Amino acid sequence: MSVVYAIILGMEKKRGLLITFEGSDGAGKSTQIQLLQEYLREKGYQVIISREPGGTVIGERIREILKNPDFQEMSPVAEALLFAASRSQHVAEVVRPALEKGYIVLLDRYIDSSLAYQGFARGLGWKIVMEMNDWANGGLLPDLTFFFFLVGG
């Protein structure tokens, strides 16, 4: 936790901190988010946890569409736009206001997931996906990102 704590100590007093957690399902993101939240709260910081897609009423409805197996025929472009729409709402409604109040925001997934899944796996290309998400979230990038990978079989 010393790396995270060093970053927190150096952050501006007027703005919070955005820390994202990326990686495949089952890699331990949720566990680590919970542990970091507990650690930071013990140190006296205000912390919120959220996820993408989701995190808002609108975002959760978009999540339902994206996770619905009945919509497997969804085009890669439509999928990318839905992720960006959820992210835009999430940043506007939850993330930016929390950062402006000085909170530390811990996010389960963010832009890197869109770059991996829509940009590379769906073949849209990283540049268009990055530009779309940069526009959707007003250029908000994380202060720190942790990547989690499953190792072994």
N, C-alpha and C. Protein backbone atom coordinates (compact mmCIF):
# COMPACT_ATOMS: atom_id res chain seq x y z
N MET A 1 0.80 -1.20 0.00
CA MET A 1 0.00 0.00 0.00
C MET A 1 0.85 1.27 0.00
N SER A 2 2.13 1.17 0.16
CA SER A 2 2.97 2.36 0.28
C SER A 2 2.98 3.20 -1.00
N VAL A 3 2.89 2.57 -2.18
CA VAL A 3 2.86 3.34 -3.43
C VAL A 3 1.60 4.19 -3.49
N VAL A 4 0.47 3.58 -3.16
CA VAL A 4 -0.79 4.32 -3.17
C VAL A 4 -0.75 5.45 -2.16
N TYR A 5 -0.25 5.18 -0.97
CA TYR A 5 -0.20 6.20 0.07
C TYR A 5 0.70 7.36 -0.34
N ALA A 6 1.81 7.07 -1.00
CA ALA A 6 2.71 8.13 -1.47
C ALA A 6 2.02 9.01 -2.50
N ILE A 7 1.24 8.41 -3.37
CA ILE A 7 0.50 9.19 -4.38
C ILE A 7 -0.55 10.06 -3.71
N ILE A 8 -1.23 9.49 -2.74
CA ILE A 8 -2.26 10.25 -2.02
C ILE A 8 -1.65 11.44 -1.29
N LEU A 9 -0.53 11.23 -0.66
CA LEU A 9 0.12 12.33 0.06
C LEU A 9 0.51 13.47 -0.88
N GLY A 10 0.82 13.14 -2.13
CA GLY A 10 1.23 14.15 -3.09
C GLY A 10 0.10 14.79 -3.86
N MET A 11 -1.13 14.32 -3.67
CA MET A 11 -2.23 14.86 -4.47
C MET A 11 -2.62 16.25 -4.01
N GLU A 12 -3.23 16.98 -4.94
CA GLU A 12 -3.68 18.33 -4.64
C GLU A 12 -4.79 18.29 -3.60
N LYS A 13 -4.82 19.27 -2.76
CA LYS A 13 -5.82 19.31 -1.70
C LYS A 13 -7.23 19.59 -2.22
N LYS A 14 -7.35 20.24 -3.38
CA LYS A 14 -8.66 20.63 -3.88
C LYS A 14 -9.31 19.58 -4.77
N ARG A 15 -8.60 18.52 -5.10
CA ARG A 15 -9.16 17.50 -5.97
C ARG A 15 -8.87 16.14 -5.38
N GLY A 16 -9.80 15.25 -5.55
CA GLY A 16 -9.61 13.89 -5.07
C GLY A 16 -8.68 13.11 -5.97
N LEU A 17 -8.80 11.81 -5.90
CA LEU A 17 -7.92 10.91 -6.64
C LEU A 17 -8.76 9.83 -7.29
N LEU A 18 -8.47 9.54 -8.55
CA LEU A 18 -9.17 8.49 -9.29
C LEU A 18 -8.22 7.31 -9.48
N ILE A 19 -8.59 6.19 -8.88
CA ILE A 19 -7.80 4.96 -8.99
C ILE A 19 -8.68 3.91 -9.67
N THR A 20 -8.18 3.35 -10.77
CA THR A 20 -8.95 2.35 -11.49
C THR A 20 -8.31 0.97 -11.35
N PHE A 21 -9.15 -0.03 -11.45
CA PHE A 21 -8.74 -1.43 -11.35
C PHE A 21 -9.21 -2.12 -12.62
N GLU A 22 -8.27 -2.69 -13.34
CA GLU A 22 -8.56 -3.33 -14.61
C GLU A 22 -8.10 -4.78 -14.56
N GLY A 23 -8.73 -5.60 -15.37
CA GLY A 23 -8.33 -7.00 -15.47
C GLY A 23 -9.51 -7.89 -15.73
N SER A 24 -9.22 -9.14 -15.95
CA SER A 24 -10.27 -10.10 -16.29
C SER A 24 -11.11 -10.44 -15.07
N ASP A 25 -12.30 -10.96 -15.33
CA ASP A 25 -13.18 -11.41 -14.25
C ASP A 25 -12.48 -12.52 -13.48
N GLY A 26 -12.57 -12.47 -12.17
CA GLY A 26 -11.98 -13.49 -11.33
C GLY A 26 -10.51 -13.27 -10.99
N ALA A 27 -9.96 -12.14 -11.41
CA ALA A 27 -8.54 -11.87 -11.18
C ALA A 27 -8.27 -11.23 -9.82
N GLY A 28 -9.31 -10.87 -9.08
CA GLY A 28 -9.12 -10.32 -7.75
C GLY A 28 -9.35 -8.83 -7.60
N LYS A 29 -9.90 -8.18 -8.62
CA LYS A 29 -10.12 -6.73 -8.56
C LYS A 29 -11.01 -6.35 -7.39
N SER A 30 -12.14 -7.01 -7.25
CA SER A 30 -13.10 -6.64 -6.20
C SER A 30 -12.49 -6.78 -4.81
N THR A 31 -11.74 -7.85 -4.60
CA THR A 31 -11.09 -8.05 -3.31
C THR A 31 -10.10 -6.93 -3.01
N GLN A 32 -9.29 -6.58 -3.99
CA GLN A 32 -8.29 -5.53 -3.79
C GLN A 32 -8.93 -4.16 -3.61
N ILE A 33 -10.02 -3.91 -4.31
CA ILE A 33 -10.74 -2.64 -4.14
C ILE A 33 -11.24 -2.52 -2.70
N GLN A 34 -11.83 -3.59 -2.19
CA GLN A 34 -12.33 -3.58 -0.81
C GLN A 34 -11.20 -3.37 0.20
N LEU A 35 -10.08 -4.05 -0.01
CA LEU A 35 -8.95 -3.91 0.91
C LEU A 35 -8.38 -2.49 0.88
N LEU A 36 -8.27 -1.92 -0.32
CA LEU A 36 -7.75 -0.55 -0.42
C LEU A 36 -8.72 0.44 0.20
N GLN A 37 -10.01 0.23 0.00
CA GLN A 37 -11.00 1.11 0.63
C GLN A 37 -10.85 1.08 2.16
N GLU A 38 -10.74 -0.10 2.72
CA GLU A 38 -10.58 -0.23 4.18
C GLU A 38 -9.31 0.48 4.65
N TYR A 39 -8.23 0.27 3.95
CA TYR A 39 -6.95 0.88 4.30
C TYR A 39 -7.05 2.41 4.28
N LEU A 40 -7.61 2.94 3.20
CA LEU A 40 -7.71 4.40 3.05
C LEU A 40 -8.65 5.01 4.08
N ARG A 41 -9.74 4.34 4.37
CA ARG A 41 -10.67 4.86 5.39
C ARG A 41 -10.01 4.87 6.77
N GLU A 42 -9.21 3.83 7.05
CA GLU A 42 -8.48 3.81 8.32
C GLU A 42 -7.51 4.98 8.42
N LYS A 43 -7.01 5.45 7.29
CA LYS A 43 -6.10 6.60 7.25
C LYS A 43 -6.84 7.93 7.25
N GLY A 44 -8.18 7.88 7.24
CA GLY A 44 -8.97 9.09 7.35
C GLY A 44 -9.46 9.68 6.04
N TYR A 45 -9.32 8.96 4.95
CA TYR A 45 -9.77 9.48 3.65
C TYR A 45 -11.21 9.09 3.38
N GLN A 46 -11.88 9.97 2.63
CA GLN A 46 -13.24 9.66 2.17
C GLN A 46 -13.10 8.92 0.85
N VAL A 47 -13.74 7.75 0.77
CA VAL A 47 -13.56 6.87 -0.38
C VAL A 47 -14.92 6.41 -0.88
N ILE A 48 -15.07 6.36 -2.21
CA ILE A 48 -16.23 5.71 -2.79
C ILE A 48 -15.75 4.66 -3.78
N ILE A 49 -16.56 3.63 -3.91
CA ILE A 49 -16.31 2.55 -4.86
C ILE A 49 -17.45 2.56 -5.87
N SER A 50 -17.09 2.38 -7.14
CA SER A 50 -18.11 2.26 -8.16
C SER A 50 -17.61 1.32 -9.25
N ARG A 51 -18.47 1.07 -10.24
CA ARG A 51 -18.10 0.13 -11.29
C ARG A 51 -18.60 0.61 -12.64
N GLU A 52 -17.98 0.05 -13.67
CA GLU A 52 -18.42 0.32 -15.03
C GLU A 52 -18.52 -1.00 -15.79
N PRO A 53 -19.48 -1.09 -16.68
CA PRO A 53 -20.56 -0.12 -16.84
C PRO A 53 -21.47 -0.16 -15.62
N GLY A 54 -22.10 0.93 -15.37
CA GLY A 54 -23.00 1.04 -14.22
C GLY A 54 -22.68 2.25 -13.38
N GLY A 55 -22.94 2.14 -12.10
CA GLY A 55 -22.62 3.21 -11.17
C GLY A 55 -23.67 4.28 -11.04
N THR A 56 -24.64 4.29 -11.96
CA THR A 56 -25.77 5.23 -11.92
C THR A 56 -27.01 4.46 -12.36
N VAL A 57 -28.17 5.05 -12.19
CA VAL A 57 -29.40 4.39 -12.63
C VAL A 57 -29.35 4.14 -14.13
N ILE A 58 -28.97 5.15 -14.89
CA ILE A 58 -28.87 5.01 -16.34
C ILE A 58 -27.78 3.99 -16.70
N GLY A 59 -26.64 4.09 -16.05
CA GLY A 59 -25.54 3.16 -16.32
C GLY A 59 -25.91 1.71 -16.03
N GLU A 60 -26.67 1.49 -14.98
CA GLU A 60 -27.09 0.12 -14.66
C GLU A 60 -28.06 -0.42 -15.71
N ARG A 61 -28.89 0.44 -16.26
CA ARG A 61 -29.79 -0.01 -17.35
C ARG A 61 -28.98 -0.36 -18.59
N ILE A 62 -27.97 0.46 -18.88
CA ILE A 62 -27.09 0.16 -20.02
C ILE A 62 -26.35 -1.15 -19.75
N ARG A 63 -25.93 -1.37 -18.53
CA ARG A 63 -25.26 -2.62 -18.16
C ARG A 63 -26.15 -3.83 -18.44
N GLU A 64 -27.43 -3.70 -18.10
CA GLU A 64 -28.38 -4.78 -18.36
C GLU A 64 -28.42 -5.14 -19.85
N ILE A 65 -28.41 -4.13 -20.69
CA ILE A 65 -28.41 -4.37 -22.14
C ILE A 65 -27.11 -5.05 -22.56
N LEU A 66 -25.99 -4.53 -22.09
CA LEU A 66 -24.69 -5.07 -22.49
C LEU A 66 -24.48 -6.51 -22.01
N LYS A 67 -25.01 -6.85 -20.86
CA LYS A 67 -24.83 -8.19 -20.29
C LYS A 67 -25.90 -9.19 -20.75
N ASN A 68 -26.91 -8.72 -21.46
CA ASN A 68 -28.03 -9.57 -21.86
C ASN A 68 -27.61 -10.51 -23.00
N PRO A 69 -27.68 -11.83 -22.78
CA PRO A 69 -27.28 -12.77 -23.83
C PRO A 69 -28.18 -12.73 -25.06
N ASP A 70 -29.38 -12.15 -24.93
CA ASP A 70 -30.28 -12.03 -26.09
C ASP A 70 -29.76 -11.02 -27.12
N PHE A 71 -28.77 -10.21 -26.74
CA PHE A 71 -28.26 -9.17 -27.64
C PHE A 71 -26.85 -9.48 -28.15
N GLN A 72 -26.57 -10.74 -28.37
CA GLN A 72 -25.24 -11.13 -28.85
C GLN A 72 -24.93 -10.61 -30.25
N GLU A 73 -25.97 -10.26 -31.00
CA GLU A 73 -25.77 -9.75 -32.36
C GLU A 73 -25.40 -8.26 -32.38
N MET A 74 -25.25 -7.66 -31.21
CA MET A 74 -24.92 -6.24 -31.15
C MET A 74 -23.62 -5.95 -31.89
N SER A 75 -23.64 -4.91 -32.68
CA SER A 75 -22.44 -4.56 -33.44
C SER A 75 -21.36 -4.01 -32.49
N PRO A 76 -20.11 -4.16 -32.87
CA PRO A 76 -19.03 -3.62 -32.04
C PRO A 76 -19.15 -2.11 -31.82
N VAL A 77 -19.62 -1.38 -32.83
CA VAL A 77 -19.76 0.08 -32.70
C VAL A 77 -20.86 0.41 -31.69
N ALA A 78 -22.00 -0.29 -31.79
CA ALA A 78 -23.09 -0.05 -30.83
C ALA A 78 -22.63 -0.36 -29.41
N GLU A 79 -21.90 -1.46 -29.27
CA GLU A 79 -21.38 -1.83 -27.95
C GLU A 79 -20.46 -0.75 -27.39
N ALA A 80 -19.54 -0.27 -28.22
CA ALA A 80 -18.61 0.77 -27.78
C ALA A 80 -19.34 2.05 -27.40
N LEU A 81 -20.36 2.41 -28.16
CA LEU A 81 -21.13 3.61 -27.85
C LEU A 81 -21.90 3.47 -26.54
N LEU A 82 -22.43 2.28 -26.28
CA LEU A 82 -23.14 2.06 -25.02
C LEU A 82 -22.19 2.15 -23.83
N PHE A 83 -21.01 1.56 -23.94
CA PHE A 83 -20.03 1.68 -22.87
C PHE A 83 -19.65 3.15 -22.64
N ALA A 84 -19.45 3.88 -23.73
CA ALA A 84 -19.10 5.30 -23.61
C ALA A 84 -20.25 6.11 -23.00
N ALA A 85 -21.48 5.77 -23.36
CA ALA A 85 -22.64 6.46 -22.81
C ALA A 85 -22.74 6.23 -21.30
N SER A 86 -22.56 4.99 -20.89
CA SER A 86 -22.59 4.68 -19.46
C SER A 86 -21.49 5.43 -18.73
N ARG A 87 -20.30 5.44 -19.33
CA ARG A 87 -19.15 6.12 -18.72
C ARG A 87 -19.40 7.63 -18.61
N SER A 88 -19.97 8.22 -19.65
CA SER A 88 -20.25 9.66 -19.64
C SER A 88 -21.19 10.02 -18.48
N GLN A 89 -22.24 9.25 -18.33
CA GLN A 89 -23.20 9.49 -17.25
C GLN A 89 -22.54 9.29 -15.88
N HIS A 90 -21.76 8.25 -15.78
CA HIS A 90 -21.08 7.91 -14.53
C HIS A 90 -20.12 9.02 -14.10
N VAL A 91 -19.32 9.49 -15.04
CA VAL A 91 -18.36 10.56 -14.73
C VAL A 91 -19.10 11.83 -14.32
N ALA A 92 -20.15 12.18 -15.07
CA ALA A 92 -20.89 13.41 -14.79
C ALA A 92 -21.64 13.35 -13.46
N GLU A 93 -22.21 12.20 -13.16
CA GLU A 93 -23.09 12.08 -12.00
C GLU A 93 -22.38 11.65 -10.71
N VAL A 94 -21.34 10.84 -10.83
CA VAL A 94 -20.70 10.26 -9.65
C VAL A 94 -19.23 10.67 -9.50
N VAL A 95 -18.45 10.38 -10.52
CA VAL A 95 -16.99 10.47 -10.39
C VAL A 95 -16.51 11.91 -10.22
N ARG A 96 -16.85 12.79 -11.17
CA ARG A 96 -16.38 14.18 -11.07
C ARG A 96 -16.85 14.88 -9.80
N PRO A 97 -18.13 14.76 -9.44
CA PRO A 97 -18.56 15.41 -8.19
C PRO A 97 -17.80 14.90 -6.97
N ALA A 98 -17.51 13.60 -6.92
CA ALA A 98 -16.76 13.05 -5.80
C ALA A 98 -15.33 13.59 -5.79
N LEU A 99 -14.70 13.64 -6.96
CA LEU A 99 -13.34 14.17 -7.04
C LEU A 99 -13.29 15.63 -6.61
N GLU A 100 -14.29 16.40 -7.03
CA GLU A 100 -14.34 17.82 -6.67
C GLU A 100 -14.50 18.03 -5.16
N LYS A 101 -15.10 17.04 -4.48
CA LYS A 101 -15.25 17.11 -3.03
C LYS A 101 -14.03 16.55 -2.30
N GLY A 102 -13.03 16.09 -3.06
CA GLY A 102 -11.81 15.58 -2.45
C GLY A 102 -11.82 14.09 -2.14
N TYR A 103 -12.82 13.37 -2.61
CA TYR A 103 -12.90 11.93 -2.37
C TYR A 103 -11.87 11.18 -3.20
N ILE A 104 -11.53 10.00 -2.72
CA ILE A 104 -10.77 9.05 -3.52
C ILE A 104 -11.80 8.11 -4.14
N VAL A 105 -11.78 8.01 -5.45
CA VAL A 105 -12.74 7.19 -6.19
C VAL A 105 -12.02 5.93 -6.66
N LEU A 106 -12.54 4.78 -6.26
CA LEU A 106 -12.00 3.49 -6.70
C LEU A 106 -12.98 2.89 -7.69
N LEU A 107 -12.52 2.71 -8.93
CA LEU A 107 -13.39 2.22 -10.00
C LEU A 107 -13.00 0.83 -10.45
N ASP A 108 -13.99 -0.03 -10.50
CA ASP A 108 -13.84 -1.36 -11.08
C ASP A 108 -14.11 -1.21 -12.58
N ARG A 109 -13.04 -1.09 -13.34
CA ARG A 109 -13.00 -0.90 -14.80
C ARG A 109 -13.18 0.57 -15.17
N TYR A 110 -12.55 0.91 -16.29
CA TYR A 110 -12.66 2.27 -16.84
C TYR A 110 -12.21 2.21 -18.30
N ILE A 111 -11.53 3.19 -18.79
CA ILE A 111 -11.20 3.30 -20.21
C ILE A 111 -10.36 2.14 -20.72
N ASP A 112 -9.44 1.64 -19.92
CA ASP A 112 -8.58 0.55 -20.40
C ASP A 112 -9.39 -0.68 -20.81
N SER A 113 -10.50 -0.93 -20.15
CA SER A 113 -11.35 -2.05 -20.54
C SER A 113 -11.94 -1.83 -21.92
N SER A 114 -12.37 -0.62 -22.20
CA SER A 114 -12.90 -0.32 -23.53
C SER A 114 -11.83 -0.45 -24.60
N LEU A 115 -10.62 0.01 -24.28
CA LEU A 115 -9.52 -0.13 -25.24
C LEU A 115 -9.25 -1.61 -25.53
N ALA A 116 -9.25 -2.43 -24.49
CA ALA A 116 -8.97 -3.86 -24.67
C ALA A 116 -10.10 -4.57 -25.40
N TYR A 117 -11.33 -4.37 -24.94
CA TYR A 117 -12.45 -5.14 -25.49
C TYR A 117 -12.97 -4.60 -26.81
N GLN A 118 -13.28 -3.31 -26.87
CA GLN A 118 -13.81 -2.77 -28.11
C GLN A 118 -12.71 -2.39 -29.09
N GLY A 119 -11.64 -1.80 -28.57
CA GLY A 119 -10.55 -1.36 -29.44
C GLY A 119 -9.81 -2.50 -30.09
N PHE A 120 -9.44 -3.51 -29.29
CA PHE A 120 -8.63 -4.61 -29.82
C PHE A 120 -9.47 -5.85 -30.11
N ALA A 121 -10.18 -6.38 -29.12
CA ALA A 121 -10.92 -7.64 -29.32
C ALA A 121 -12.02 -7.49 -30.36
N ARG A 122 -12.69 -6.35 -30.39
CA ARG A 122 -13.77 -6.13 -31.37
C ARG A 122 -13.26 -5.48 -32.65
N GLY A 123 -11.99 -5.11 -32.66
CA GLY A 123 -11.37 -4.63 -33.89
C GLY A 123 -11.67 -3.20 -34.29
N LEU A 124 -12.14 -2.38 -33.35
CA LEU A 124 -12.45 -0.99 -33.70
C LEU A 124 -11.21 -0.11 -33.74
N GLY A 125 -10.14 -0.55 -33.12
CA GLY A 125 -8.91 0.24 -33.06
C GLY A 125 -8.87 1.10 -31.81
N TRP A 126 -7.69 1.19 -31.23
CA TRP A 126 -7.55 1.91 -29.97
C TRP A 126 -7.81 3.40 -30.13
N LYS A 127 -7.44 3.98 -31.28
CA LYS A 127 -7.53 5.43 -31.45
C LYS A 127 -8.98 5.92 -31.41
N ILE A 128 -9.85 5.29 -32.17
CA ILE A 128 -11.26 5.73 -32.19
C ILE A 128 -11.92 5.49 -30.84
N VAL A 129 -11.60 4.38 -30.20
CA VAL A 129 -12.18 4.08 -28.89
C VAL A 129 -11.68 5.09 -27.86
N MET A 130 -10.41 5.44 -27.91
CA MET A 130 -9.86 6.43 -26.97
C MET A 130 -10.48 7.79 -27.21
N GLU A 131 -10.60 8.20 -28.46
CA GLU A 131 -11.20 9.50 -28.77
C GLU A 131 -12.65 9.56 -28.32
N MET A 132 -13.40 8.48 -28.55
CA MET A 132 -14.80 8.42 -28.14
C MET A 132 -14.93 8.55 -26.63
N ASN A 133 -14.09 7.84 -25.90
CA ASN A 133 -14.15 7.88 -24.44
C ASN A 133 -13.61 9.18 -23.87
N ASP A 134 -12.62 9.75 -24.51
CA ASP A 134 -12.09 11.04 -24.08
C ASP A 134 -13.19 12.10 -24.20
N TRP A 135 -13.94 12.04 -25.28
CA TRP A 135 -15.06 12.96 -25.48
C TRP A 135 -16.17 12.69 -24.47
N ALA A 136 -16.49 11.40 -24.26
CA ALA A 136 -17.59 11.02 -23.37
C ALA A 136 -17.32 11.40 -21.92
N ASN A 137 -16.07 11.32 -21.48
CA ASN A 137 -15.79 11.59 -20.07
C ASN A 137 -15.10 12.93 -19.84
N GLY A 138 -15.05 13.76 -20.87
CA GLY A 138 -14.46 15.09 -20.71
C GLY A 138 -12.97 15.06 -20.44
N GLY A 139 -12.29 14.03 -20.93
CA GLY A 139 -10.84 13.96 -20.79
C GLY A 139 -10.34 13.47 -19.44
N LEU A 140 -11.23 12.96 -18.60
CA LEU A 140 -10.82 12.51 -17.28
C LEU A 140 -10.07 11.18 -17.36
N LEU A 141 -8.82 11.20 -16.93
CA LEU A 141 -8.00 9.99 -16.90
C LEU A 141 -7.68 9.64 -15.45
N PRO A 142 -7.42 8.36 -15.19
CA PRO A 142 -7.10 7.97 -13.81
C PRO A 142 -5.74 8.51 -13.36
N ASP A 143 -5.62 8.70 -12.07
CA ASP A 143 -4.34 9.07 -11.47
C ASP A 143 -3.45 7.85 -11.31
N LEU A 144 -4.08 6.69 -11.16
CA LEU A 144 -3.36 5.44 -10.96
C LEU A 144 -4.25 4.30 -11.43
N THR A 145 -3.66 3.33 -12.13
CA THR A 145 -4.40 2.15 -12.57
C THR A 145 -3.65 0.90 -12.14
N PHE A 146 -4.40 -0.04 -11.58
CA PHE A 146 -3.87 -1.36 -11.25
C PHE A 146 -4.42 -2.36 -12.25
N PHE A 147 -3.55 -3.20 -12.79
CA PHE A 147 -3.96 -4.25 -13.71
C PHE A 147 -3.83 -5.60 -13.00
N PHE A 148 -4.88 -6.43 -13.11
CA PHE A 148 -4.88 -7.75 -12.50
C PHE A 148 -5.05 -8.81 -13.58
N PHE A 149 -4.23 -9.84 -13.49
CA PHE A 149 -4.25 -10.91 -14.47
C PHE A 149 -4.36 -12.25 -13.76
N LEU A 150 -5.05 -13.19 -14.38
CA LEU A 150 -5.07 -14.56 -13.89
C LEU A 150 -3.80 -15.24 -14.36
N VAL A 151 -3.12 -15.88 -13.43
CA VAL A 151 -1.88 -16.56 -13.76
C VAL A 151 -2.08 -18.06 -13.52
N GLY A 152 -1.61 -18.85 -14.43
CA GLY A 152 -1.71 -20.29 -14.28
C GLY A 152 -3.01 -20.84 -14.83
N GLY A 153 -3.32 -22.06 -14.48
CA GLY A 153 -4.48 -22.73 -15.08
C GLY A 153 -5.57 -22.85 -14.13
